[in-house]
Structure formats: C-alpha cells, structure tokens
C-alpha atoms as a PDB file:
ATOM      1  CA  MET A   1      20.072   7.565   0.708  1.00  0.00           C
ATOM      2  CA  SER A   2      18.066   4.734   2.823  1.00  0.00           C
ATOM      3  CA  ILE A   3      16.303   1.931   1.348  1.00  0.00           C
ATOM      4  CA  VAL A   4      13.152   3.690   2.283  1.00  0.00           C
ATOM      5  CA  LYS A   5      13.692   6.841   1.082  1.00  0.00           C
ATOM      6  CA  LYS A   6      14.501   5.021  -2.636  1.00  0.00           C
ATOM      7  CA  TYR A   7      11.960   2.673  -2.295  1.00  0.00           C
ATOM      8  CA  TYR A   8       9.529   5.966  -2.078  1.00  0.00           C
ATOM      9  CA  ILE A   9      11.003   7.189  -5.022  1.00  0.00           C
ATOM     10  CA  VAL A  10      10.861   4.013  -7.547  1.00  0.00           C
ATOM     11  CA  SER A  11       7.333   3.449  -5.746  1.00  0.00           C
ATOM     12  CA  GLY A  12       6.089   7.234  -5.912  1.00  0.00           C
ATOM     13  CA  ILE A  13       7.621   7.651  -9.954  1.00  0.00           C
ATOM     14  CA  TYR A  14       6.568   4.509 -10.969  1.00  0.00           C
ATOM     15  CA  ASN A  15       2.734   5.247  -9.285  1.00  0.00           C
ATOM     16  CA  ILE A  16       2.727   8.635 -11.232  1.00  0.00           C
ATOM     17  CA  GLY A  17       3.643   7.175 -14.563  1.00  0.00           C
ATOM     18  CA  VAL A  18       0.255   4.923 -13.788  1.00  0.00           C
ATOM     19  CA  ALA A  19      -1.093   7.508 -13.069  1.00  0.00           C
ATOM     20  CA  PHE A  20      -0.595   9.058 -16.397  1.00  0.00           C
ATOM     21  CA  PHE A  21      -0.298   6.282 -18.412  1.00  0.00           C
ATOM     22  CA  GLY A  22      -3.392   4.420 -17.296  1.00  0.00           C
ATOM     23  CA  GLY A  23      -5.762   7.255 -18.069  1.00  0.00           C
ATOM     24  CA  THR A  24      -4.220   8.296 -21.045  1.00  0.00           C
ATOM     25  CA  LEU A  25      -2.803   5.790 -22.602  1.00  0.00           C
ATOM     26  CA  TYR A  26      -6.326   4.196 -24.723  1.00  0.00           C
ATOM     27  CA  LEU A  27      -6.611   7.822 -26.140  1.00  0.00           C
ATOM     28  CA  LEU A  28      -3.330   8.501 -27.393  1.00  0.00           C
ATOM     29  CA  MET A  29      -3.232   4.648 -29.243  1.00  0.00           C
ATOM     30  CA  GLN A  30      -6.913   6.205 -30.570  1.00  0.00           C
ATOM     31  CA  GLN A  31      -4.976   9.310 -31.818  1.00  0.00           C
ATOM     32  CA  HIS A  32      -2.370   6.967 -33.024  1.00  0.00           C
ATOM     33  CA  GLY A  33      -5.172   5.955 -35.333  1.00  0.00           C
ATOM     34  CA  PHE A  34      -5.611   2.107 -33.498  1.00  0.00           C
ATOM     35  CA  SER A  35      -9.098   0.776 -33.648  1.00  0.00           C
ATOM     36  CA  ALA A  36     -11.282  -0.382 -30.736  1.00  0.00           C
ATOM     37  CA  ALA A  37     -10.153  -3.892 -31.665  1.00  0.00           C
ATOM     38  CA  ASP A  38      -6.172  -3.048 -31.984  1.00  0.00           C
ATOM     39  CA  ILE A  39      -6.518  -1.580 -28.450  1.00  0.00           C
ATOM     40  CA  ASN A  40      -8.417  -4.936 -27.162  1.00  0.00           C
ATOM     41  CA  LEU A  41      -5.689  -6.985 -28.854  1.00  0.00           C
ATOM     42  CA  PHE A  42      -3.277  -4.946 -26.923  1.00  0.00           C
ATOM     43  CA  LEU A  43      -4.790  -5.925 -23.589  1.00  0.00           C
ATOM     44  CA  ILE A  44      -5.122  -9.311 -24.620  1.00  0.00           C
ATOM     45  CA  VAL A  45      -1.491  -9.770 -25.284  1.00  0.00           C
ATOM     46  CA  PHE A  46      -0.898  -7.834 -22.086  1.00  0.00           C
ATOM     47  CA  TRP A  47      -2.783  -9.914 -20.024  1.00  0.00           C
ATOM     48  CA  ILE A  48      -1.944 -13.367 -21.663  1.00  0.00           C
ATOM     49  CA  VAL A  49       2.128 -11.964 -21.123  1.00  0.00           C
ATOM     50  CA  SER A  50       1.730 -11.176 -17.655  1.00  0.00           C
ATOM     51  CA  PHE A  51       0.138 -14.745 -16.811  1.00  0.00           C
ATOM     52  CA  ILE A  52       3.249 -16.395 -18.815  1.00  0.00           C
ATOM     53  CA  PHE A  53       5.502 -14.285 -17.015  1.00  0.00           C
ATOM     54  CA  GLU A  54       4.573 -13.837 -13.169  1.00  0.00           C
ATOM     55  CA  MET A  55       6.443 -17.086 -12.113  1.00  0.00           C
ATOM     56  CA  PRO A  56       9.623 -16.369 -14.468  1.00  0.00           C
ATOM     57  CA  SER A  57       9.460 -13.087 -13.191  1.00  0.00           C
ATOM     58  CA  GLY A  58       9.526 -14.417  -9.431  1.00  0.00           C
ATOM     59  CA  ILE A  59      12.577 -16.903 -10.276  1.00  0.00           C
ATOM     60  CA  PHE A  60      14.462 -14.243 -11.788  1.00  0.00           C
ATOM     61  CA  ALA A  61      14.048 -11.979  -8.815  1.00  0.00           C
ATOM     62  CA  ASP A  62      14.715 -15.176  -6.735  1.00  0.00           C
ATOM     63  CA  THR A  63      18.235 -15.221  -8.395  1.00  0.00           C
ATOM     64  CA  PHE A  64      19.019 -11.672  -9.778  1.00  0.00           C
ATOM     65  CA  ARG A  65      18.423 -10.148  -6.440  1.00  0.00           C
ATOM     66  CA  PRO A  66      15.076  -7.861  -6.637  1.00  0.00           C
ATOM     67  CA  ARG A  67      16.796  -4.597  -6.499  1.00  0.00           C
ATOM     68  CA  ARG A  68      18.213  -5.957 -10.538  1.00  0.00           C
ATOM     69  CA  SER A  69      14.447  -6.931 -11.060  1.00  0.00           C
ATOM     70  CA  VAL A  70      13.486  -3.385 -10.613  1.00  0.00           C
ATOM     71  CA  VAL A  71      15.773  -1.799 -12.295  1.00  0.00           C
ATOM     72  CA  LEU A  72      14.833  -3.830 -15.165  1.00  0.00           C
ATOM     73  CA  SER A  73      11.188  -3.649 -14.723  1.00  0.00           C
ATOM     74  CA  SER A  74      11.726  -0.058 -15.164  1.00  0.00           C
ATOM     75  CA  LEU A  75      14.498  -0.124 -18.338  1.00  0.00           C
ATOM     76  CA  LEU A  76      11.489  -2.065 -19.996  1.00  0.00           C
ATOM     77  CA  ARG A  77       8.537   0.018 -18.710  1.00  0.00           C
ATOM     78  CA  ILE A  78       9.949   3.098 -19.796  1.00  0.00           C
ATOM     79  CA  LEU A  79      10.994   1.079 -23.535  1.00  0.00           C
ATOM     80  CA  GLY A  80       7.768  -0.600 -23.914  1.00  0.00           C
ATOM     81  CA  LEU A  81       5.582   3.009 -23.300  1.00  0.00           C
ATOM     82  CA  GLY A  82       8.462   5.246 -25.109  1.00  0.00           C
ATOM     83  CA  ILE A  83       7.173   2.998 -28.259  1.00  0.00           C
ATOM     84  CA  LEU A  84       4.066   4.357 -27.835  1.00  0.00           C
ATOM     85  CA  LEU A  85       4.358   7.671 -27.967  1.00  0.00           C
ATOM     86  CA  VAL A  86       6.381   7.299 -31.212  1.00  0.00           C
ATOM     87  CA  PRO A  87       3.343   8.176 -34.160  1.00  0.00           C
ATOM     88  CA  SER A  88       2.546   5.106 -35.412  1.00  0.00           C
ATOM     89  CA  SER A  89      -0.464   2.568 -36.313  1.00  0.00           C
ATOM     90  CA  ALA A  90       1.878  -0.169 -36.823  1.00  0.00           C
ATOM     91  CA  LEU A  91       0.321  -3.567 -35.167  1.00  0.00           C
ATOM     92  CA  MET A  92       3.335  -4.815 -34.691  1.00  0.00           C
ATOM     93  CA  ILE A  93       4.355  -1.595 -32.766  1.00  0.00           C
ATOM     94  CA  LEU A  94       1.270  -2.166 -30.625  1.00  0.00           C
ATOM     95  CA  ILE A  95       2.142  -6.112 -29.759  1.00  0.00           C
ATOM     96  CA  MET A  96       5.808  -4.958 -28.788  1.00  0.00           C
ATOM     97  CA  ALA A  97       5.044  -2.193 -26.557  1.00  0.00           C
ATOM     98  CA  ALA A  98       2.178  -4.908 -24.814  1.00  0.00           C
ATOM     99  CA  ILE A  99       4.914  -7.918 -24.346  1.00  0.00           C
ATOM    100  CA  LEU A 100       7.436  -5.363 -22.926  1.00  0.00           C
ATOM    101  CA  THR A 101       5.289  -3.271 -20.359  1.00  0.00           C
ATOM    102  CA  ALA A 102       3.526  -7.010 -19.283  1.00  0.00           C
ATOM    103  CA  ILE A 103       6.897  -8.175 -18.720  1.00  0.00           C
ATOM    104  CA  SER A 104       8.146  -5.256 -16.959  1.00  0.00           C
ATOM    105  CA  ASP A 105       5.113  -5.360 -14.975  1.00  0.00           C
ATOM    106  CA  THR A 106       5.400  -8.438 -13.910  1.00  0.00           C
ATOM    107  CA  LEU A 107       9.223  -8.251 -13.244  1.00  0.00           C
ATOM    108  CA  LYS A 108       7.679  -5.062 -10.459  1.00  0.00           C
ATOM    109  CA  SER A 109       4.758  -7.569  -9.237  1.00  0.00           C
ATOM    110  CA  SER A 110       5.539  -7.457  -5.866  1.00  0.00           C
ATOM    111  CA  THR A 111       9.583  -7.030  -6.234  1.00  0.00           C
ATOM    112  CA  LEU A 112       9.867  -3.898  -4.872  1.00  0.00           C
ATOM    113  CA  GLU A 113       8.050  -4.416  -1.578  1.00  0.00           C
ATOM    114  CA  ALA A 114      10.426  -8.010  -1.710  1.00  0.00           C
ATOM    115  CA  TRP A 115      13.538  -5.880  -2.224  1.00  0.00           C
ATOM    116  CA  VAL A 116      12.329  -3.483   0.987  1.00  0.00           C
ATOM    117  CA  SER A 117      11.392  -6.249   3.208  1.00  0.00           C
ATOM    118  CA  ASN A 118      14.867  -8.044   3.025  1.00  0.00           C
ATOM    119  CA  GLU A 119      17.091  -4.738   3.383  1.00  0.00           C
ATOM    120  CA  LEU A 120      14.884  -3.693   6.470  1.00  0.00           C
ATOM    121  CA  HIS A 121      14.731  -6.915   8.128  1.00  0.00           C
ATOM    122  CA  SER A 122      12.497  -4.777  10.753  1.00  0.00           C
ATOM    123  CA  LYS A 123      10.040  -5.982  12.811  1.00  0.00           C
ATOM    124  CA  ASN A 124       8.024  -3.081  11.754  1.00  0.00           C
ATOM    125  CA  LEU A 125       7.017  -3.635   8.271  1.00  0.00           C
ATOM    126  CA  ASP A 126       3.004  -3.932   8.707  1.00  0.00           C
ATOM    127  CA  SER A 127       3.330   0.039   9.284  1.00  0.00           C
ATOM    128  CA  PHE A 128       5.710   0.508   6.946  1.00  0.00           C
ATOM    129  CA  PHE A 129       3.794  -1.116   3.913  1.00  0.00           C
ATOM    130  CA  ALA A 130       0.664   0.730   5.394  1.00  0.00           C
ATOM    131  CA  ASN A 131       2.166   4.183   5.640  1.00  0.00           C
ATOM    132  CA  SER A 132       3.580   3.185   1.977  1.00  0.00           C
ATOM    133  CA  SER A 133      -0.257   2.699   0.869  1.00  0.00           C
ATOM    134  CA  LYS A 134      -1.447   5.334   2.206  1.00  0.00           C
ATOM    135  CA  LEU A 135       0.974   8.016   0.212  1.00  0.00           C
ATOM    136  CA  ASN A 136       0.774   6.187  -2.774  1.00  0.00           C
ATOM    137  CA  THR A 137      -2.825   6.677  -2.298  1.00  0.00           C
ATOM    138  CA  VAL A 138      -2.043  10.114  -2.043  1.00  0.00           C
ATOM    139  CA  ILE A 139       0.478   9.886  -4.856  1.00  0.00           C
ATOM    140  CA  ASN A 140      -2.129   8.325  -7.400  1.00  0.00           C
ATOM    141  CA  LEU A 141      -4.597  10.895  -6.558  1.00  0.00           C
ATOM    142  CA  LEU A 142      -2.444  13.670  -7.339  1.00  0.00           C
ATOM    143  CA  GLY A 143      -1.463  12.326 -10.636  1.00  0.00           C
ATOM    144  CA  GLY A 144      -4.823  11.585 -12.016  1.00  0.00           C
ATOM    145  CA  PHE A 145      -5.472  15.209 -10.779  1.00  0.00           C
ATOM    146  CA  LEU A 146      -2.472  16.632 -12.627  1.00  0.00           C
ATOM    147  CA  VAL A 147      -3.491  14.745 -15.471  1.00  0.00           C
ATOM    148  CA  ARG A 148      -6.691  15.761 -15.623  1.00  0.00           C
ATOM    149  CA  ARG A 149      -5.771  19.237 -15.206  1.00  0.00           C
ATOM    150  CA  SER A 150      -3.169  18.654 -18.048  1.00  0.00           C
ATOM    151  CA  TRP A 151      -6.073  17.722 -20.643  1.00  0.00           C
ATOM    152  CA  GLU A 152      -7.742  20.796 -19.730  1.00  0.00           C
ATOM    153  CA  ASN A 153      -5.612  22.869 -20.968  1.00  0.00           C
END
C-alpha cells in the first residue's frame, strides 16, 4: 500500500475519532457522574500535559522515526479513550485518561505529516497537503453528521 493511501487511512480514522469523541466526550463524562468541575479538571490536565510533552514527543519522533510515533500515539489514544468508556466516576480514571490522550495528541502533532513528507520526497507536497486538508474537512463533516444522527436514534 502506498504511503499516500496509508496517510489518508490513518488521518481519516483519526479525524472520525475526533469528530465522534469531540462531540460526545463531555456528555459521556456527565453520564458517568462527573461534575462540570471534574470535566474542567480533565481539560486542565489534558492541556498542561500537552504543553509539557510537546517538545519531548517531537524528540521521540525524530529519534525513533515518525511512523513509530504515530503508532504509539494511536495505541495511547485507544487506551486513554477506552478508559473513559468504562462506567466509573473515579477521578483518578479521568485524570489518567487526560494524561494518556494528551501524550497521544502530542505524539501525533505534525508527526503524521512529517512521516508522509519524509517518505514522498516530493516537491509537490503543497498540493498533497491542500488535497488532504479538503478530504479531512469532508471526513470531519461526515463524522459529525453521523454522530448527530446516531444520537437522534
């Protein structure tokens, strides 16, 4: 499979996941019994960990190759969001999920784009990323629409 197809698949799955969890995550937390203060704590921990790990995750990607960073990011995101699917109102679960998803987010941050840029060695990357941006916008719109439709039923 070509690097372009791999990029579109990984990027598409990531964007569908963000569309789904981005629109429903706070409702899911409320359903598990977390208060607005707990949900804000999740966000605070998420953004602080993201800030702290942004540079180390870039070093990780440079040292161990972007592809490994993308794979680790995906595994940590699955684990972090999977923890939130377990019905529990334990604050420690919420904080652990925030830490795992934040580290995952920093590992993915621009790494996917670096991976495809390194593999393509092309001078026509501008048009590739422009087309990718358009495709991801459509995927996000469809993902958001599907989430909305699933909540209506």
